[in-house]
PDB file of all heavy atoms in Angstrom:
ATOM      1  N   GLY A   1     -16.698 -67.977-104.910  1.00  0.00           N
ATOM      2  CA  GLY A   1     -16.956 -66.652-104.360  1.00  0.00           C
ATOM      3  C   GLY A   1     -15.846 -66.050-103.526  1.00  0.00           C
ATOM      4  O   GLY A   1     -15.945 -64.894-103.095  1.00  0.00           O
ATOM      5  N   GLN A   2     -14.779 -66.797-103.283  1.00  0.00           N
ATOM      6  CA  GLN A   2     -13.701 -66.265-102.453  1.00  0.00           C
ATOM      7  C   GLN A   2     -13.071 -65.043-103.115  1.00  0.00           C
ATOM      8  O   GLN A   2     -12.715 -65.052-104.292  1.00  0.00           O
ATOM      9  CB  GLN A   2     -12.633 -67.337-102.224  1.00  0.00           C
ATOM     10  CG  GLN A   2     -11.559 -66.906-101.226  1.00  0.00           C
ATOM     11  CD  GLN A   2     -10.611 -68.048-100.896  1.00  0.00           C
ATOM     12  OE1 GLN A   2     -10.713 -69.120-101.462  1.00  0.00           O
ATOM     13  NE2 GLN A   2      -9.693 -67.803 -99.979  1.00  0.00           N
ATOM     14  N   GLY A   3     -12.951 -63.968-102.350  1.00  0.00           N
ATOM     15  CA  GLY A   3     -12.378 -62.736-102.871  1.00  0.00           C
ATOM     16  C   GLY A   3     -13.336 -61.942-103.716  1.00  0.00           C
ATOM     17  O   GLY A   3     -12.933 -60.992-104.399  1.00  0.00           O
ATOM     18  N   MET A   4     -14.617 -62.299-103.702  1.00  0.00           N
ATOM     19  CA  MET A   4     -15.610 -61.635-104.535  1.00  0.00           C
ATOM     20  C   MET A   4     -16.863 -61.347-103.726  1.00  0.00           C
ATOM     21  O   MET A   4     -17.342 -62.190-102.971  1.00  0.00           O
ATOM     22  CB  MET A   4     -15.962 -62.524-105.735  1.00  0.00           C
ATOM     23  CG  MET A   4     -17.052 -61.973-106.635  1.00  0.00           C
ATOM     24  SD  MET A   4     -17.388 -63.080-108.052  1.00  0.00           S
ATOM     25  CE  MET A   4     -18.210 -64.451-107.214  1.00  0.00           C
ATOM     26  N   THR A   5     -17.385 -60.141-103.888  1.00  0.00           N
ATOM     27  CA  THR A   5     -18.664 -59.777-103.283  1.00  0.00           C
ATOM     28  C   THR A   5     -19.718 -59.718-104.369  1.00  0.00           C
ATOM     29  O   THR A   5     -19.505 -59.103-105.414  1.00  0.00           O
ATOM     30  CB  THR A   5     -18.582 -58.395-102.598  1.00  0.00           C
ATOM     31  OG1 THR A   5     -17.608 -58.447-101.542  1.00  0.00           O
ATOM     32  CG2 THR A   5     -19.935 -57.986-102.022  1.00  0.00           C
ATOM     33  N   ILE A   6     -20.838 -60.384-104.128  1.00  0.00           N
ATOM     34  CA  ILE A   6     -21.966 -60.320-105.053  1.00  0.00           C
ATOM     35  C   ILE A   6     -23.024 -59.415-104.443  1.00  0.00           C
ATOM     36  O   ILE A   6     -23.488 -59.660-103.327  1.00  0.00           O
ATOM     37  CB  ILE A   6     -22.557 -61.710-105.322  1.00  0.00           C
ATOM     38  CG1 ILE A   6     -21.507 -62.626-105.957  1.00  0.00           C
ATOM     39  CG2 ILE A   6     -23.790 -61.595-106.240  1.00  0.00           C
ATOM     40  CD1 ILE A   6     -21.980 -64.058-106.153  1.00  0.00           C
ATOM     41  N   ALA A   7     -23.381 -58.357-105.153  1.00  0.00           N
ATOM     42  CA  ALA A   7     -24.415 -57.433-104.687  1.00  0.00           C
ATOM     43  C   ALA A   7     -25.698 -57.708-105.452  1.00  0.00           C
ATOM     44  O   ALA A   7     -25.710 -57.716-106.687  1.00  0.00           O
ATOM     45  CB  ALA A   7     -23.974 -55.990-104.887  1.00  0.00           C
ATOM     46  N   LEU A   8     -26.780 -57.951-104.725  1.00  0.00           N
ATOM     47  CA  LEU A   8     -28.080 -58.235-105.320  1.00  0.00           C
ATOM     48  C   LEU A   8     -28.899 -56.955-105.377  1.00  0.00           C
ATOM     49  O   LEU A   8     -29.108 -56.294-104.356  1.00  0.00           O
ATOM     50  CB  LEU A   8     -28.825 -59.279-104.485  1.00  0.00           C
ATOM     51  CG  LEU A   8     -28.099 -60.611-104.277  1.00  0.00           C
ATOM     52  CD1 LEU A   8     -28.846 -61.458-103.248  1.00  0.00           C
ATOM     53  CD2 LEU A   8     -27.976 -61.366-105.590  1.00  0.00           C
ATOM     54  N   LEU A   9     -29.372 -56.603-106.578  1.00  0.00           N
ATOM     55  CA  LEU A   9     -30.158 -55.386-106.748  1.00  0.00           C
ATOM     56  C   LEU A   9     -31.599 -55.732-107.082  1.00  0.00           C
ATOM     57  O   LEU A   9     -31.865 -56.510-108.006  1.00  0.00           O
ATOM     58  CB  LEU A   9     -29.582 -54.514-107.867  1.00  0.00           C
ATOM     59  CG  LEU A   9     -28.223 -53.860-107.601  1.00  0.00           C
ATOM     60  CD1 LEU A   9     -27.090 -54.788-107.989  1.00  0.00           C
ATOM     61  CD2 LEU A   9     -28.091 -52.547-108.352  1.00  0.00           C
ATOM     62  N   GLY A  10     -32.536 -55.140-106.326  1.00  0.00           N
ATOM     63  CA  GLY A  10     -33.952 -55.387-106.551  1.00  0.00           C
ATOM     64  C   GLY A  10     -34.744 -54.905-105.352  1.00  0.00           C
ATOM     65  O   GLY A  10     -34.169 -54.426-104.368  1.00  0.00           O
ATOM     66  N   PRO A  11     -36.074 -55.011-105.397  1.00  0.00           N
ATOM     67  CA  PRO A  11     -36.898 -54.633-104.246  1.00  0.00           C
ATOM     68  C   PRO A  11     -36.514 -55.472-103.025  1.00  0.00           C
ATOM     69  O   PRO A  11     -36.662 -56.706-103.055  1.00  0.00           O
ATOM     70  CB  PRO A  11     -38.327 -54.931-104.711  1.00  0.00           C
ATOM     71  CG  PRO A  11     -38.242 -54.922-106.207  1.00  0.00           C
ATOM     72  CD  PRO A  11     -36.887 -55.474-106.533  1.00  0.00           C
ATOM     73  N   ALA A  12     -36.020 -54.851-101.991  1.00  0.00           N
ATOM     74  CA  ALA A  12     -35.438 -55.574-100.859  1.00  0.00           C
ATOM     75  C   ALA A  12     -36.395 -56.581-100.232  1.00  0.00           C
ATOM     76  O   ALA A  12     -36.020 -57.733 -99.970  1.00  0.00           O
ATOM     77  CB  ALA A  12     -34.956 -54.570 -99.809  1.00  0.00           C
ATOM     78  N   GLU A  13     -37.623 -56.172 -99.986  1.00  0.00           N
ATOM     79  CA  GLU A  13     -38.570 -57.070 -99.329  1.00  0.00           C
ATOM     80  C   GLU A  13     -38.906 -58.263-100.223  1.00  0.00           C
ATOM     81  O   GLU A  13     -39.071 -59.386 -99.732  1.00  0.00           O
ATOM     82  CB  GLU A  13     -39.845 -56.314 -98.937  1.00  0.00           C
ATOM     83  CG  GLU A  13     -39.624 -55.273 -97.844  1.00  0.00           C
ATOM     84  CD  GLU A  13     -38.947 -55.871 -96.601  1.00  0.00           C
ATOM     85  OE1 GLU A  13     -39.373 -56.969 -96.168  1.00  0.00           O
ATOM     86  OE2 GLU A  13     -37.994 -55.256 -96.095  1.00  0.00           O
ATOM     87  N   THR A  14     -39.016 -58.030-101.516  1.00  0.00           N
ATOM     88  CA  THR A  14     -39.282 -59.121-102.458  1.00  0.00           C
ATOM     89  C   THR A  14     -38.152 -60.135-102.438  1.00  0.00           C
ATOM     90  O   THR A  14     -38.384 -61.354-102.422  1.00  0.00           O
ATOM     91  CB  THR A  14     -39.447 -58.566-103.891  1.00  0.00           C
ATOM     92  OG1 THR A  14     -40.552 -57.661-103.923  1.00  0.00           O
ATOM     93  CG2 THR A  14     -39.689 -59.690-104.890  1.00  0.00           C
ATOM     94  N   LEU A  15     -36.916 -59.640-102.418  1.00  0.00           N
ATOM     95  CA  LEU A  15     -35.758 -60.535-102.416  1.00  0.00           C
ATOM     96  C   LEU A  15     -35.649 -61.293-101.097  1.00  0.00           C
ATOM     97  O   LEU A  15     -35.330 -62.492-101.079  1.00  0.00           O
ATOM     98  CB  LEU A  15     -34.477 -59.744-102.678  1.00  0.00           C
ATOM     99  CG  LEU A  15     -34.402 -59.009-104.030  1.00  0.00           C
ATOM    100  CD1 LEU A  15     -33.036 -58.363-104.210  1.00  0.00           C
ATOM    101  CD2 LEU A  15     -34.684 -59.962-105.182  1.00  0.00           C
ATOM    102  N   LYS A  16     -35.922 -60.620 -99.993  1.00  0.00           N
ATOM    103  CA  LYS A  16     -35.863 -61.280 -98.676  1.00  0.00           C
ATOM    104  C   LYS A  16     -36.906 -62.386 -98.582  1.00  0.00           C
ATOM    105  O   LYS A  16     -36.630 -63.480 -98.075  1.00  0.00           O
ATOM    106  CB  LYS A  16     -36.075 -60.256 -97.576  1.00  0.00           C
ATOM    107  CG  LYS A  16     -34.912 -59.288 -97.376  1.00  0.00           C
ATOM    108  CD  LYS A  16     -35.235 -58.252 -96.310  1.00  0.00           C
ATOM    109  CE  LYS A  16     -34.098 -57.255 -96.146  1.00  0.00           C
ATOM    110  NZ  LYS A  16     -34.417 -56.203 -95.129  1.00  0.00           N
ATOM    111  N   LYS A  17     -38.109 -62.107 -99.074  1.00  0.00           N
ATOM    112  CA  LYS A  17     -39.185 -63.099 -99.034  1.00  0.00           C
ATOM    113  C   LYS A  17     -38.837 -64.303 -99.894  1.00  0.00           C
ATOM    114  O   LYS A  17     -39.007 -65.456 -99.472  1.00  0.00           O
ATOM    115  CB  LYS A  17     -40.493 -62.468 -99.509  1.00  0.00           C
ATOM    116  CG  LYS A  17     -41.674 -63.424 -99.485  1.00  0.00           C
ATOM    117  CD  LYS A  17     -42.946 -62.735 -99.972  1.00  0.00           C
ATOM    118  CE  LYS A  17     -44.121 -63.711 -99.997  1.00  0.00           C
ATOM    119  NZ  LYS A  17     -45.359 -63.076-100.498  1.00  0.00           N
ATOM    120  N   ALA A  18     -38.343 -64.050-101.108  1.00  0.00           N
ATOM    121  CA  ALA A  18     -37.981 -65.146-102.009  1.00  0.00           C
ATOM    122  C   ALA A  18     -36.840 -65.979-101.426  1.00  0.00           C
ATOM    123  O   ALA A  18     -36.853 -67.214-101.501  1.00  0.00           O
ATOM    124  CB  ALA A  18     -37.587 -64.588-103.372  1.00  0.00           C
ATOM    125  N   ALA A  19     -35.853 -65.307-100.844  1.00  0.00           N
ATOM    126  CA  ALA A  19     -34.719 -66.012-100.250  1.00  0.00           C
ATOM    127  C   ALA A  19     -35.166 -66.899 -99.095  1.00  0.00           C
ATOM    128  O   ALA A  19     -34.698 -68.036 -98.937  1.00  0.00           O
ATOM    129  CB  ALA A  19     -33.671 -65.014 -99.781  1.00  0.00           C
ATOM    130  N   ALA A  20     -36.095 -66.392 -98.282  1.00  0.00           N
ATOM    131  CA  ALA A  20     -36.603 -67.172 -97.149  1.00  0.00           C
ATOM    132  C   ALA A  20     -37.328 -68.420 -97.642  1.00  0.00           C
ATOM    133  O   ALA A  20     -37.163 -69.516 -97.088  1.00  0.00           O
ATOM    134  CB  ALA A  20     -37.535 -66.311 -96.308  1.00  0.00           C
ATOM    135  N   GLU A  21     -38.133 -68.280 -98.689  1.00  0.00           N
ATOM    136  CA  GLU A  21     -38.873 -69.425 -99.239  1.00  0.00           C
ATOM    137  C   GLU A  21     -37.929 -70.460 -99.846  1.00  0.00           C
ATOM    138  O   GLU A  21     -38.231 -71.656 -99.852  1.00  0.00           O
ATOM    139  CB  GLU A  21     -39.857 -68.936-100.304  1.00  0.00           C
ATOM    140  CG  GLU A  21     -40.997 -68.091 -99.737  1.00  0.00           C
ATOM    141  CD  GLU A  21     -41.876 -67.493-100.821  1.00  0.00           C
ATOM    142  OE1 GLU A  21     -41.506 -67.595-102.010  1.00  0.00           O
ATOM    143  OE2 GLU A  21     -42.931 -66.926-100.474  1.00  0.00           O
ATOM    144  N   LEU A  22     -36.780 -70.010-100.335  1.00  0.00           N
ATOM    145  CA  LEU A  22     -35.800 -70.910-100.952  1.00  0.00           C
ATOM    146  C   LEU A  22     -34.741 -71.388 -99.961  1.00  0.00           C
ATOM    147  O   LEU A  22     -33.829 -72.124-100.335  1.00  0.00           O
ATOM    148  CB  LEU A  22     -35.110 -70.201-102.123  1.00  0.00           C
ATOM    149  CG  LEU A  22     -36.000 -69.825-103.310  1.00  0.00           C
ATOM    150  CD1 LEU A  22     -35.269 -68.867-104.248  1.00  0.00           C
ATOM    151  CD2 LEU A  22     -36.436 -71.069-104.064  1.00  0.00           C
ATOM    152  N   SER A  23     -34.848 -70.920 -98.716  1.00  0.00           N
ATOM    153  CA  SER A  23     -33.859 -71.244 -97.664  1.00  0.00           C
ATOM    154  C   SER A  23     -32.454 -70.799 -98.059  1.00  0.00           C
ATOM    155  O   SER A  23     -31.463 -71.504 -97.835  1.00  0.00           O
ATOM    156  CB  SER A  23     -33.868 -72.752 -97.353  1.00  0.00           C
ATOM    157  OG  SER A  23     -35.140 -73.154 -96.896  1.00  0.00           O
ATOM    158  N   ILE A  24     -32.374 -69.615 -98.647  1.00  0.00           N
ATOM    159  CA  ILE A  24     -31.086 -69.036 -99.035  1.00  0.00           C
ATOM    160  C   ILE A  24     -30.689 -67.974 -98.030  1.00  0.00           C
ATOM    161  O   ILE A  24     -31.465 -67.055 -97.742  1.00  0.00           O
ATOM    162  CB  ILE A  24     -31.157 -68.418-100.448  1.00  0.00           C
ATOM    163  CG1 ILE A  24     -31.353 -69.516-101.495  1.00  0.00           C
ATOM    164  CG2 ILE A  24     -29.890 -67.608-100.764  1.00  0.00           C
ATOM    165  CD1 ILE A  24     -31.548 -69.004-102.906  1.00  0.00           C
ATOM    166  N   ASP A  25     -29.493 -68.105 -97.488  1.00  0.00           N
ATOM    167  CA  ASP A  25     -28.981 -67.138 -96.520  1.00  0.00           C
ATOM    168  C   ASP A  25     -28.436 -65.928 -97.274  1.00  0.00           C
ATOM    169  O   ASP A  25     -27.518 -66.059 -98.092  1.00  0.00           O
ATOM    170  CB  ASP A  25     -27.877 -67.785 -95.681  1.00  0.00           C
ATOM    171  CG  ASP A  25     -27.318 -66.844 -94.616  1.00  0.00           C
ATOM    172  OD1 ASP A  25     -27.910 -65.755 -94.407  1.00  0.00           O
ATOM    173  OD2 ASP A  25     -26.297 -67.201 -94.003  1.00  0.00           O
ATOM    174  N   LEU A  26     -28.976 -64.753 -97.011  1.00  0.00           N
ATOM    175  CA  LEU A  26     -28.530 -63.539 -97.709  1.00  0.00           C
ATOM    176  C   LEU A  26     -27.332 -62.875 -97.038  1.00  0.00           C
ATOM    177  O   LEU A  26     -26.827 -61.868 -97.557  1.00  0.00           O
ATOM    178  CB  LEU A  26     -29.692 -62.535 -97.792  1.00  0.00           C
ATOM    179  CG  LEU A  26     -30.860 -62.912 -98.714  1.00  0.00           C
ATOM    180  CD1 LEU A  26     -31.931 -61.828 -98.668  1.00  0.00           C
ATOM    181  CD2 LEU A  26     -30.379 -63.122-100.140  1.00  0.00           C
ATOM    182  N   ALA A  27     -26.856 -63.434 -95.945  1.00  0.00           N
ATOM    183  CA  ALA A  27     -25.740 -62.824 -95.208  1.00  0.00           C
ATOM    184  C   ALA A  27     -24.490 -62.616 -96.067  1.00  0.00           C
ATOM    185  O   ALA A  27     -23.819 -61.588 -95.936  1.00  0.00           O
ATOM    186  CB  ALA A  27     -25.408 -63.659 -93.975  1.00  0.00           C
TER     187      ALA A  27
END
């Protein structure tokens, strides 16, 4: 990922909830 930005597209709250359940940092 160095030098690259990944943009996630989707319903924000759905993605935040899923990320929290998977322990994925969205920062």
